[in-house]
Amino acid sequence: MTPFLWRIADLTGKDHKHVLSDVRKMLGDLGFMCAEFSAYVRIPMPRGGFRQEEEFNLPKDLTFTLVLGYDVKRSEDDFYSVPANVKRFVTAIRKCATSPRNSA
């Protein structure tokens, strides 16, 4: 299974390391500790063996915040008033979740 943030990177056209950086910044801005959501996953290597990659297990609201690029410093009521792009986002996530990650 492809780690979730790799899919977010594919969806947004960003490098995985930049998505990780965005998650860390977002969590810090919201006052969360990264360790609350962080874990390491084993990624199989083409010639055998594994490498470890940091991954974040984000709840749905933080995932929306990350992908939509919404200003997390605004009030919570403002966040829930912006779902104009949510339908497009959910469609893209579902499409991304059902297709395998493009190999580089």
C-alpha atoms as a PDB file:
ATOM      1  CA  MET A   1       0.000   0.000   0.000  1.00  0.00           C
ATOM      2  CA  THR A   2       1.280   3.453  -0.899  1.00  0.00           C
ATOM      3  CA  PRO A   3       1.685   5.761   2.122  1.00  0.00           C
ATOM      4  CA  PHE A   4      -0.952   8.497   2.188  1.00  0.00           C
ATOM      5  CA  LEU A   5       1.377  11.498   1.894  1.00  0.00           C
ATOM      6  CA  TRP A   6       2.920  10.068  -1.279  1.00  0.00           C
ATOM      7  CA  ARG A   7      -0.578  10.188  -2.740  1.00  0.00           C
ATOM      8  CA  ILE A   8      -1.010  13.770  -1.560  1.00  0.00           C
ATOM      9  CA  ALA A   9       2.341  14.605  -3.194  1.00  0.00           C
ATOM     10  CA  ASP A  10       1.169  13.023  -6.454  1.00  0.00           C
ATOM     11  CA  LEU A  11      -2.156  14.856  -6.278  1.00  0.00           C
ATOM     12  CA  THR A  12      -0.605  18.259  -5.634  1.00  0.00           C
ATOM     13  CA  GLY A  13       2.452  17.824  -7.861  1.00  0.00           C
ATOM     14  CA  LYS A  14       4.810  18.408  -4.919  1.00  0.00           C
ATOM     15  CA  ASP A  15       7.806  16.400  -3.770  1.00  0.00           C
ATOM     16  CA  HIS A  16       7.094  14.130  -0.805  1.00  0.00           C
ATOM     17  CA  LYS A  17       9.668  15.986   1.323  1.00  0.00           C
ATOM     18  CA  HIS A  18       7.813  19.268   0.705  1.00  0.00           C
ATOM     19  CA  VAL A  19       4.496  17.715   1.724  1.00  0.00           C
ATOM     20  CA  LEU A  20       6.149  16.485   4.938  1.00  0.00           C
ATOM     21  CA  SER A  21       7.439  20.008   5.554  1.00  0.00           C
ATOM     22  CA  ASP A  22       3.955  21.456   4.938  1.00  0.00           C
ATOM     23  CA  VAL A  23       2.438  18.977   7.405  1.00  0.00           C
ATOM     24  CA  ARG A  24       4.999  19.816  10.082  1.00  0.00           C
ATOM     25  CA  LYS A  25       4.392  23.554   9.624  1.00  0.00           C
ATOM     26  CA  MET A  26       0.612  23.160   9.640  1.00  0.00           C
ATOM     27  CA  LEU A  27       0.678  21.035  12.800  1.00  0.00           C
ATOM     28  CA  GLY A  28       3.009  23.510  14.500  1.00  0.00           C
ATOM     29  CA  ASP A  29       0.776  26.448  13.529  1.00  0.00           C
ATOM     30  CA  LEU A  30      -2.195  24.614  15.045  1.00  0.00           C
ATOM     31  CA  GLY A  31      -0.292  23.860  18.252  1.00  0.00           C
ATOM     32  CA  PHE A  32      -0.026  20.092  17.735  1.00  0.00           C
ATOM     33  CA  MET A  33       3.058  18.004  18.339  1.00  0.00           C
ATOM     34  CA  CYS A  34       4.133  16.199  15.150  1.00  0.00           C
ATOM     35  CA  ALA A  35       4.615  13.019  17.194  1.00  0.00           C
ATOM     36  CA  GLU A  36       0.844  12.871  17.746  1.00  0.00           C
ATOM     37  CA  PHE A  37       0.386  12.020  14.050  1.00  0.00           C
ATOM     38  CA  SER A  38       3.815  10.750  12.964  1.00  0.00           C
ATOM     39  CA  ALA A  39       4.935   7.195  12.241  1.00  0.00           C
ATOM     40  CA  TYR A  40       7.498   5.435  10.091  1.00  0.00           C
ATOM     41  CA  VAL A  41       6.534   3.082   7.292  1.00  0.00           C
ATOM     42  CA  ARG A  42       8.640   0.494   5.500  1.00  0.00           C
ATOM     43  CA  ILE A  43       8.961   1.104   1.777  1.00  0.00           C
ATOM     44  CA  PRO A  44      10.128  -1.844  -0.364  1.00  0.00           C
ATOM     45  CA  MET A  45      13.234  -1.174  -2.438  1.00  0.00           C
ATOM     46  CA  PRO A  46      13.424  -2.281  -6.095  1.00  0.00           C
ATOM     47  CA  ARG A  47      16.362  -4.633  -5.470  1.00  0.00           C
ATOM     48  CA  GLY A  48      15.027  -6.014  -2.210  1.00  0.00           C
ATOM     49  CA  GLY A  49      15.115  -4.776   1.321  1.00  0.00           C
ATOM     50  CA  PHE A  50      13.271  -1.826   2.799  1.00  0.00           C
ATOM     51  CA  ARG A  51      13.833   1.783   3.738  1.00  0.00           C
ATOM     52  CA  GLN A  52      11.932   3.741   6.369  1.00  0.00           C
ATOM     53  CA  GLU A  53       9.983   6.883   5.494  1.00  0.00           C
ATOM     54  CA  GLU A  54       8.235   9.262   7.828  1.00  0.00           C
ATOM     55  CA  GLU A  55       4.479   9.335   7.354  1.00  0.00           C
ATOM     56  CA  PHE A  56       1.664  11.231   9.047  1.00  0.00           C
ATOM     57  CA  ASN A  57      -1.745   9.818   9.891  1.00  0.00           C
ATOM     58  CA  LEU A  58      -3.935  12.917   9.622  1.00  0.00           C
ATOM     59  CA  PRO A  59      -7.632  13.103  10.443  1.00  0.00           C
ATOM     60  CA  LYS A  60      -9.986  14.217   7.674  1.00  0.00           C
ATOM     61  CA  ASP A  61     -10.201  17.879   8.751  1.00  0.00           C
ATOM     62  CA  LEU A  62      -6.412  18.288   8.801  1.00  0.00           C
ATOM     63  CA  THR A  63      -6.148  16.522   5.444  1.00  0.00           C
ATOM     64  CA  PHE A  64      -8.611  19.017   3.947  1.00  0.00           C
ATOM     65  CA  THR A  65      -6.618  21.853   5.483  1.00  0.00           C
ATOM     66  CA  LEU A  66      -3.364  20.496   4.053  1.00  0.00           C
ATOM     67  CA  VAL A  67      -4.589  19.897   0.508  1.00  0.00           C
ATOM     68  CA  LEU A  68      -6.744  22.991   0.172  1.00  0.00           C
ATOM     69  CA  GLY A  69      -3.927  25.163   1.498  1.00  0.00           C
ATOM     70  CA  TYR A  70      -6.341  26.904   3.805  1.00  0.00           C
ATOM     71  CA  ASP A  71      -5.025  29.423   6.327  1.00  0.00           C
ATOM     72  CA  VAL A  72      -5.018  27.440   9.571  1.00  0.00           C
ATOM     73  CA  LYS A  73      -4.797  30.602  11.670  1.00  0.00           C
ATOM     74  CA  ARG A  74      -8.350  31.610  10.782  1.00  0.00           C
ATOM     75  CA  SER A  75     -11.182  30.577  13.034  1.00  0.00           C
ATOM     76  CA  GLU A  76     -12.630  27.083  12.899  1.00  0.00           C
ATOM     77  CA  ASP A  77     -15.963  28.465  11.646  1.00  0.00           C
ATOM     78  CA  ASP A  78     -14.171  30.034   8.666  1.00  0.00           C
ATOM     79  CA  PHE A  79     -12.591  26.680   7.804  1.00  0.00           C
ATOM     80  CA  TYR A  80     -15.933  24.932   7.567  1.00  0.00           C
ATOM     81  CA  SER A  81     -17.390  27.717   5.415  1.00  0.00           C
ATOM     82  CA  VAL A  82     -15.011  27.042   2.476  1.00  0.00           C
ATOM     83  CA  PRO A  83     -16.147  23.673   1.145  1.00  0.00           C
ATOM     84  CA  ALA A  84     -16.681  25.115  -2.343  1.00  0.00           C
ATOM     85  CA  ASN A  85     -13.630  23.126  -3.437  1.00  0.00           C
ATOM     86  CA  VAL A  86     -14.289  20.118  -1.237  1.00  0.00           C
ATOM     87  CA  LYS A  87     -16.261  18.163  -3.837  1.00  0.00           C
ATOM     88  CA  ARG A  88     -13.424  18.588  -6.350  1.00  0.00           C
ATOM     89  CA  PHE A  89     -10.919  17.594  -3.681  1.00  0.00           C
ATOM     90  CA  VAL A  90     -12.827  14.468  -2.634  1.00  0.00           C
ATOM     91  CA  THR A  91     -13.178  13.388  -6.265  1.00  0.00           C
ATOM     92  CA  ALA A  92      -9.440  13.847  -6.804  1.00  0.00           C
ATOM     93  CA  ILE A  93      -8.582  11.962  -3.592  1.00  0.00           C
ATOM     94  CA  ARG A  94     -10.834   9.055  -4.567  1.00  0.00           C
ATOM     95  CA  LYS A  95      -9.249   8.929  -8.015  1.00  0.00           C
ATOM     96  CA  CYS A  96      -5.774   9.066  -6.484  1.00  0.00           C
ATOM     97  CA  ALA A  97      -6.647   6.429  -3.862  1.00  0.00           C
ATOM     98  CA  THR A  98      -7.789   3.944  -6.497  1.00  0.00           C
ATOM     99  CA  SER A  99      -4.837   4.352  -8.843  1.00  0.00           C
ATOM    100  CA  PRO A 100      -1.323   3.047  -8.126  1.00  0.00           C
ATOM    101  CA  ARG A 101       1.451   5.568  -7.461  1.00  0.00           C
ATOM    102  CA  ASN A 102       3.339   6.544 -10.593  1.00  0.00           C
ATOM    103  CA  SER A 103       6.838   5.097 -10.532  1.00  0.00           C
ATOM    104  CA  ALA A 104       9.654   7.578 -11.010  1.00  0.00           C
END
